[in-house]
Amino acid sequence: MKKTFQLSIEGKNRDRVLDATKHEIRQYIKRERRKTLPEGVDFWDFDCKFGTTADKAQGVHFATLTALIDAVAKEGGDAFYLELLAQPGYRGARASTEPQADDGL
């Protein structure tokens, strides 16, 4: 998904437009995650870019999208650009955080 979302639309409540925008993004994510995974892939990950325009878009972490959208709306921005591209994700082994027991007593 590569799209510029307008937040100020004449004749529509700005808060409702913001909610509809977030809903559209969530639906896209759900639709992409339902696709079958290729062999050896653990999950669908998303490569995200966010900015006020396509030229100013920068790579951001997927978990920060909602906060970034809310920040643009709070500042009174009229639009924002969002690029979400699904890519294969692989889980790595977790590092053990528990101290190992020493049985040599």
N, C-alpha and C. Protein backbone atom coordinates (compact mmCIF):
# COMPACT_ATOMS: atom_id res chain seq x y z
N MET A 1 0.86 -1.17 0.00
CA MET A 1 0.00 0.00 0.00
C MET A 1 0.90 1.22 0.00
N LYS A 2 0.73 2.05 -0.98
CA LYS A 2 1.41 3.34 -1.06
C LYS A 2 0.32 4.36 -1.29
N LYS A 3 0.06 5.18 -0.28
CA LYS A 3 -1.09 6.06 -0.38
C LYS A 3 -0.89 7.33 0.45
N THR A 4 -1.45 8.43 -0.08
CA THR A 4 -1.51 9.67 0.67
C THR A 4 -2.94 9.79 1.20
N PHE A 5 -3.07 9.86 2.51
CA PHE A 5 -4.37 9.95 3.15
C PHE A 5 -4.69 11.41 3.45
N GLN A 6 -5.84 11.88 3.02
CA GLN A 6 -6.30 13.23 3.30
C GLN A 6 -7.08 13.22 4.62
N LEU A 7 -6.77 14.14 5.50
CA LEU A 7 -7.47 14.23 6.78
C LEU A 7 -8.51 15.33 6.80
N SER A 8 -8.35 16.32 5.93
CA SER A 8 -9.30 17.43 5.87
C SER A 8 -10.10 17.32 4.57
N ILE A 9 -11.30 16.79 4.68
CA ILE A 9 -12.19 16.64 3.53
C ILE A 9 -13.41 17.50 3.78
N GLU A 10 -13.73 18.34 2.83
CA GLU A 10 -14.84 19.27 2.98
C GLU A 10 -16.15 18.50 3.17
N GLY A 11 -16.90 18.90 4.18
CA GLY A 11 -18.20 18.29 4.46
C GLY A 11 -18.13 17.05 5.34
N LYS A 12 -16.94 16.67 5.78
CA LYS A 12 -16.81 15.50 6.64
C LYS A 12 -16.10 15.89 7.93
N ASN A 13 -16.52 15.26 9.01
CA ASN A 13 -15.94 15.50 10.32
C ASN A 13 -14.51 14.95 10.34
N ARG A 14 -13.58 15.77 10.76
CA ARG A 14 -12.15 15.40 10.75
C ARG A 14 -11.88 14.16 11.61
N ASP A 15 -12.55 14.04 12.76
CA ASP A 15 -12.33 12.89 13.63
C ASP A 15 -12.81 11.60 12.98
N ARG A 16 -13.93 11.67 12.26
CA ARG A 16 -14.46 10.49 11.58
C ARG A 16 -13.56 10.08 10.41
N VAL A 17 -12.98 11.06 9.73
CA VAL A 17 -12.06 10.76 8.64
C VAL A 17 -10.81 10.09 9.20
N LEU A 18 -10.33 10.55 10.33
CA LEU A 18 -9.17 9.95 10.98
C LEU A 18 -9.46 8.50 11.37
N ASP A 19 -10.63 8.26 11.96
CA ASP A 19 -11.02 6.90 12.33
C ASP A 19 -11.14 6.00 11.10
N ALA A 20 -11.72 6.51 10.02
CA ALA A 20 -11.86 5.73 8.80
C ALA A 20 -10.51 5.40 8.19
N THR A 21 -9.56 6.32 8.29
CA THR A 21 -8.22 6.10 7.79
C THR A 21 -7.53 4.97 8.56
N LYS A 22 -7.60 5.03 9.88
CA LYS A 22 -7.01 3.99 10.71
C LYS A 22 -7.66 2.63 10.43
N HIS A 23 -8.97 2.64 10.23
CA HIS A 23 -9.69 1.40 9.93
C HIS A 23 -9.22 0.81 8.60
N GLU A 24 -9.04 1.65 7.60
CA GLU A 24 -8.57 1.18 6.29
C GLU A 24 -7.17 0.56 6.40
N ILE A 25 -6.31 1.16 7.19
CA ILE A 25 -4.95 0.63 7.38
C ILE A 25 -5.01 -0.72 8.10
N ARG A 26 -5.83 -0.82 9.14
CA ARG A 26 -5.96 -2.09 9.87
C ARG A 26 -6.50 -3.20 8.98
N GLN A 27 -7.48 -2.86 8.14
CA GLN A 27 -8.05 -3.86 7.23
C GLN A 27 -7.01 -4.34 6.23
N TYR A 28 -6.18 -3.45 5.73
CA TYR A 28 -5.11 -3.83 4.81
C TYR A 28 -4.14 -4.79 5.49
N ILE A 29 -3.77 -4.49 6.72
CA ILE A 29 -2.84 -5.34 7.47
C ILE A 29 -3.44 -6.72 7.69
N LYS A 30 -4.70 -6.78 8.07
CA LYS A 30 -5.38 -8.06 8.28
C LYS A 30 -5.42 -8.87 6.98
N ARG A 31 -5.72 -8.20 5.88
CA ARG A 31 -5.80 -8.87 4.58
C ARG A 31 -4.43 -9.44 4.18
N GLU A 32 -3.37 -8.69 4.40
CA GLU A 32 -2.03 -9.15 4.06
C GLU A 32 -1.60 -10.32 4.95
N ARG A 33 -1.95 -10.28 6.21
CA ARG A 33 -1.56 -11.35 7.14
C ARG A 33 -2.31 -12.65 6.88
N ARG A 34 -3.46 -12.58 6.22
CA ARG A 34 -4.23 -13.79 5.90
C ARG A 34 -3.62 -14.57 4.73
N LYS A 35 -2.78 -13.95 3.95
CA LYS A 35 -2.17 -14.63 2.81
C LYS A 35 -1.30 -15.78 3.30
N THR A 36 -1.23 -16.83 2.49
CA THR A 36 -0.45 -17.99 2.89
C THR A 36 1.04 -17.64 2.90
N LEU A 37 1.72 -18.18 3.88
CA LEU A 37 3.15 -17.92 4.05
C LEU A 37 3.97 -18.81 3.13
N PRO A 38 5.01 -18.28 2.52
CA PRO A 38 5.92 -19.12 1.73
C PRO A 38 6.65 -20.12 2.64
N GLU A 39 7.22 -21.12 2.04
CA GLU A 39 7.94 -22.16 2.78
C GLU A 39 9.10 -21.55 3.57
N GLY A 40 9.18 -21.87 4.86
CA GLY A 40 10.27 -21.42 5.71
C GLY A 40 10.09 -20.04 6.33
N VAL A 41 8.95 -19.40 6.09
CA VAL A 41 8.69 -18.06 6.63
C VAL A 41 7.83 -18.21 7.88
N ASP A 42 8.14 -17.45 8.93
CA ASP A 42 7.42 -17.55 10.20
C ASP A 42 6.19 -16.64 10.27
N PHE A 43 6.29 -15.43 9.70
CA PHE A 43 5.19 -14.47 9.78
C PHE A 43 5.38 -13.40 8.72
N TRP A 44 4.34 -12.59 8.52
CA TRP A 44 4.44 -11.44 7.61
C TRP A 44 4.90 -10.24 8.40
N ASP A 45 5.97 -9.63 7.97
CA ASP A 45 6.49 -8.41 8.56
C ASP A 45 6.17 -7.27 7.59
N PHE A 46 6.23 -6.04 8.06
CA PHE A 46 5.89 -4.90 7.22
C PHE A 46 7.03 -3.89 7.20
N ASP A 47 7.39 -3.48 5.99
CA ASP A 47 8.36 -2.42 5.78
C ASP A 47 7.55 -1.13 5.68
N CYS A 48 7.77 -0.18 6.58
CA CYS A 48 6.92 1.02 6.68
C CYS A 48 7.71 2.30 6.42
N LYS A 49 7.08 3.20 5.70
CA LYS A 49 7.59 4.55 5.52
C LYS A 49 6.44 5.50 5.81
N PHE A 50 6.75 6.60 6.50
CA PHE A 50 5.72 7.54 6.91
C PHE A 50 6.27 8.95 6.79
N GLY A 51 5.42 9.88 6.34
CA GLY A 51 5.81 11.28 6.24
C GLY A 51 4.64 12.13 5.82
N THR A 52 4.83 13.43 5.81
CA THR A 52 3.76 14.33 5.39
C THR A 52 3.56 14.28 3.88
N THR A 53 4.63 13.97 3.13
CA THR A 53 4.54 13.77 1.69
C THR A 53 5.38 12.55 1.32
N ALA A 54 5.22 12.08 0.09
CA ALA A 54 5.98 10.91 -0.35
C ALA A 54 7.48 11.20 -0.39
N ASP A 55 7.86 12.44 -0.70
CA ASP A 55 9.27 12.81 -0.77
C ASP A 55 9.93 12.86 0.61
N LYS A 56 9.15 13.20 1.63
CA LYS A 56 9.69 13.34 2.99
C LYS A 56 9.52 12.08 3.83
N ALA A 57 8.99 11.02 3.24
CA ALA A 57 8.73 9.79 4.00
C ALA A 57 10.03 9.14 4.43
N GLN A 58 10.03 8.68 5.69
CA GLN A 58 11.20 8.00 6.26
C GLN A 58 10.77 6.66 6.81
N GLY A 59 11.70 5.73 6.87
CA GLY A 59 11.42 4.42 7.42
C GLY A 59 11.10 4.51 8.91
N VAL A 60 10.02 3.85 9.32
CA VAL A 60 9.61 3.84 10.72
C VAL A 60 9.29 2.41 11.13
N HIS A 61 9.23 2.17 12.43
CA HIS A 61 8.85 0.86 12.94
C HIS A 61 7.34 0.70 12.85
N PHE A 62 6.91 -0.51 12.52
CA PHE A 62 5.49 -0.81 12.33
C PHE A 62 4.65 -0.45 13.56
N ALA A 63 5.17 -0.68 14.76
CA ALA A 63 4.41 -0.47 15.99
C ALA A 63 4.14 1.01 16.28
N THR A 64 4.85 1.92 15.63
CA THR A 64 4.69 3.35 15.92
C THR A 64 3.73 4.06 14.97
N LEU A 65 3.12 3.34 14.03
CA LEU A 65 2.27 3.98 13.03
C LEU A 65 1.11 4.77 13.63
N THR A 66 0.37 4.16 14.55
CA THR A 66 -0.78 4.84 15.13
C THR A 66 -0.37 6.11 15.85
N ALA A 67 0.71 6.08 16.58
CA ALA A 67 1.18 7.27 17.29
C ALA A 67 1.59 8.36 16.30
N LEU A 68 2.21 7.98 15.20
CA LEU A 68 2.61 8.97 14.19
C LEU A 68 1.39 9.60 13.51
N ILE A 69 0.39 8.79 13.22
CA ILE A 69 -0.84 9.31 12.61
C ILE A 69 -1.53 10.28 13.56
N ASP A 70 -1.61 9.90 14.84
CA ASP A 70 -2.23 10.77 15.84
C ASP A 70 -1.47 12.08 15.98
N ALA A 71 -0.15 12.02 15.89
CA ALA A 71 0.68 13.24 16.01
C ALA A 71 0.41 14.19 14.85
N VAL A 72 0.28 13.67 13.64
CA VAL A 72 -0.02 14.51 12.47
C VAL A 72 -1.39 15.14 12.63
N ALA A 73 -2.37 14.36 13.09
CA ALA A 73 -3.72 14.89 13.28
C ALA A 73 -3.75 15.95 14.37
N LYS A 74 -3.01 15.73 15.45
CA LYS A 74 -2.98 16.68 16.56
C LYS A 74 -2.34 18.00 16.16
N GLU A 75 -1.32 17.93 15.30
CA GLU A 75 -0.64 19.14 14.82
C GLU A 75 -1.48 19.90 13.79
N GLY A 76 -2.56 19.31 13.32
CA GLY A 76 -3.43 19.97 12.36
C GLY A 76 -3.04 19.72 10.91
N GLY A 77 -2.25 18.69 10.66
CA GLY A 77 -1.84 18.37 9.29
C GLY A 77 -3.03 17.98 8.43
N ASP A 78 -2.97 18.32 7.15
CA ASP A 78 -4.07 18.02 6.24
C ASP A 78 -3.96 16.64 5.62
N ALA A 79 -2.74 16.08 5.55
CA ALA A 79 -2.55 14.79 4.90
C ALA A 79 -1.26 14.15 5.39
N PHE A 80 -1.13 12.85 5.14
CA PHE A 80 0.11 12.14 5.40
C PHE A 80 0.25 11.03 4.39
N TYR A 81 1.50 10.64 4.15
CA TYR A 81 1.82 9.57 3.21
C TYR A 81 2.23 8.34 4.00
N LEU A 82 1.71 7.18 3.59
CA LEU A 82 2.04 5.92 4.25
C LEU A 82 2.37 4.87 3.20
N GLU A 83 3.46 4.18 3.43
CA GLU A 83 3.86 3.08 2.56
C GLU A 83 4.03 1.85 3.42
N LEU A 84 3.21 0.83 3.17
CA LEU A 84 3.27 -0.44 3.89
C LEU A 84 3.50 -1.54 2.88
N LEU A 85 4.60 -2.25 3.01
CA LEU A 85 4.91 -3.35 2.11
C LEU A 85 5.15 -4.61 2.94
N ALA A 86 4.38 -5.67 2.66
CA ALA A 86 4.54 -6.93 3.37
C ALA A 86 5.81 -7.62 2.90
N GLN A 87 6.52 -8.21 3.84
CA GLN A 87 7.73 -8.96 3.52
C GLN A 87 7.82 -10.14 4.48
N PRO A 88 8.52 -11.19 4.09
CA PRO A 88 8.64 -12.36 4.97
C PRO A 88 9.41 -12.03 6.24
N GLY A 89 8.94 -12.58 7.35
CA GLY A 89 9.60 -12.37 8.64
C GLY A 89 10.07 -13.70 9.21
N TYR A 90 11.22 -13.66 9.84
CA TYR A 90 11.80 -14.87 10.42
C TYR A 90 12.08 -14.62 11.90
N ARG A 91 11.67 -15.57 12.72
CA ARG A 91 11.91 -15.45 14.16
C ARG A 91 13.30 -16.01 14.48
N GLY A 92 13.99 -15.28 15.34
CA GLY A 92 15.31 -15.74 15.79
C GLY A 92 15.18 -16.42 17.13
N ALA A 93 16.19 -17.12 17.53
CA ALA A 93 16.20 -17.78 18.84
C ALA A 93 16.31 -16.72 19.92
N ARG A 94 15.54 -16.88 20.98
CA ARG A 94 15.60 -15.95 22.10
C ARG A 94 16.80 -16.25 22.98
N ALA A 95 17.40 -15.20 23.48
CA ALA A 95 18.52 -15.36 24.40
C ALA A 95 17.97 -15.70 25.78
N SER A 96 18.59 -16.58 26.47
CA SER A 96 18.17 -16.98 27.80
C SER A 96 18.51 -15.87 28.79
N THR A 97 17.50 -15.39 29.54
CA THR A 97 17.72 -14.33 30.52
C THR A 97 17.81 -14.87 31.94
N GLU A 98 17.50 -16.16 32.13
CA GLU A 98 17.57 -16.76 33.46
C GLU A 98 19.00 -17.24 33.74
N PRO A 99 19.48 -17.03 34.96
CA PRO A 99 20.82 -17.55 35.29
C PRO A 99 20.79 -19.07 35.31
N GLN A 100 21.85 -19.67 34.83
CA GLN A 100 21.90 -21.13 34.78
C GLN A 100 22.21 -21.68 36.16
N ALA A 101 21.50 -22.74 36.53
CA ALA A 101 21.72 -23.38 37.83
C ALA A 101 23.00 -24.19 37.79
N ASP A 102 23.75 -24.12 38.87
CA ASP A 102 25.01 -24.86 38.97
C ASP A 102 24.76 -26.08 39.83
N ASP A 103 24.78 -27.28 39.21
CA ASP A 103 24.47 -28.52 39.94
C ASP A 103 25.71 -29.17 40.55
N GLY A 104 26.84 -28.51 40.58
CA GLY A 104 28.07 -29.09 41.07
C GLY A 104 28.28 -28.94 42.57
N LEU A 105 27.24 -28.90 43.38
CA LEU A 105 27.41 -28.76 44.83
C LEU A 105 27.92 -29.97 45.46
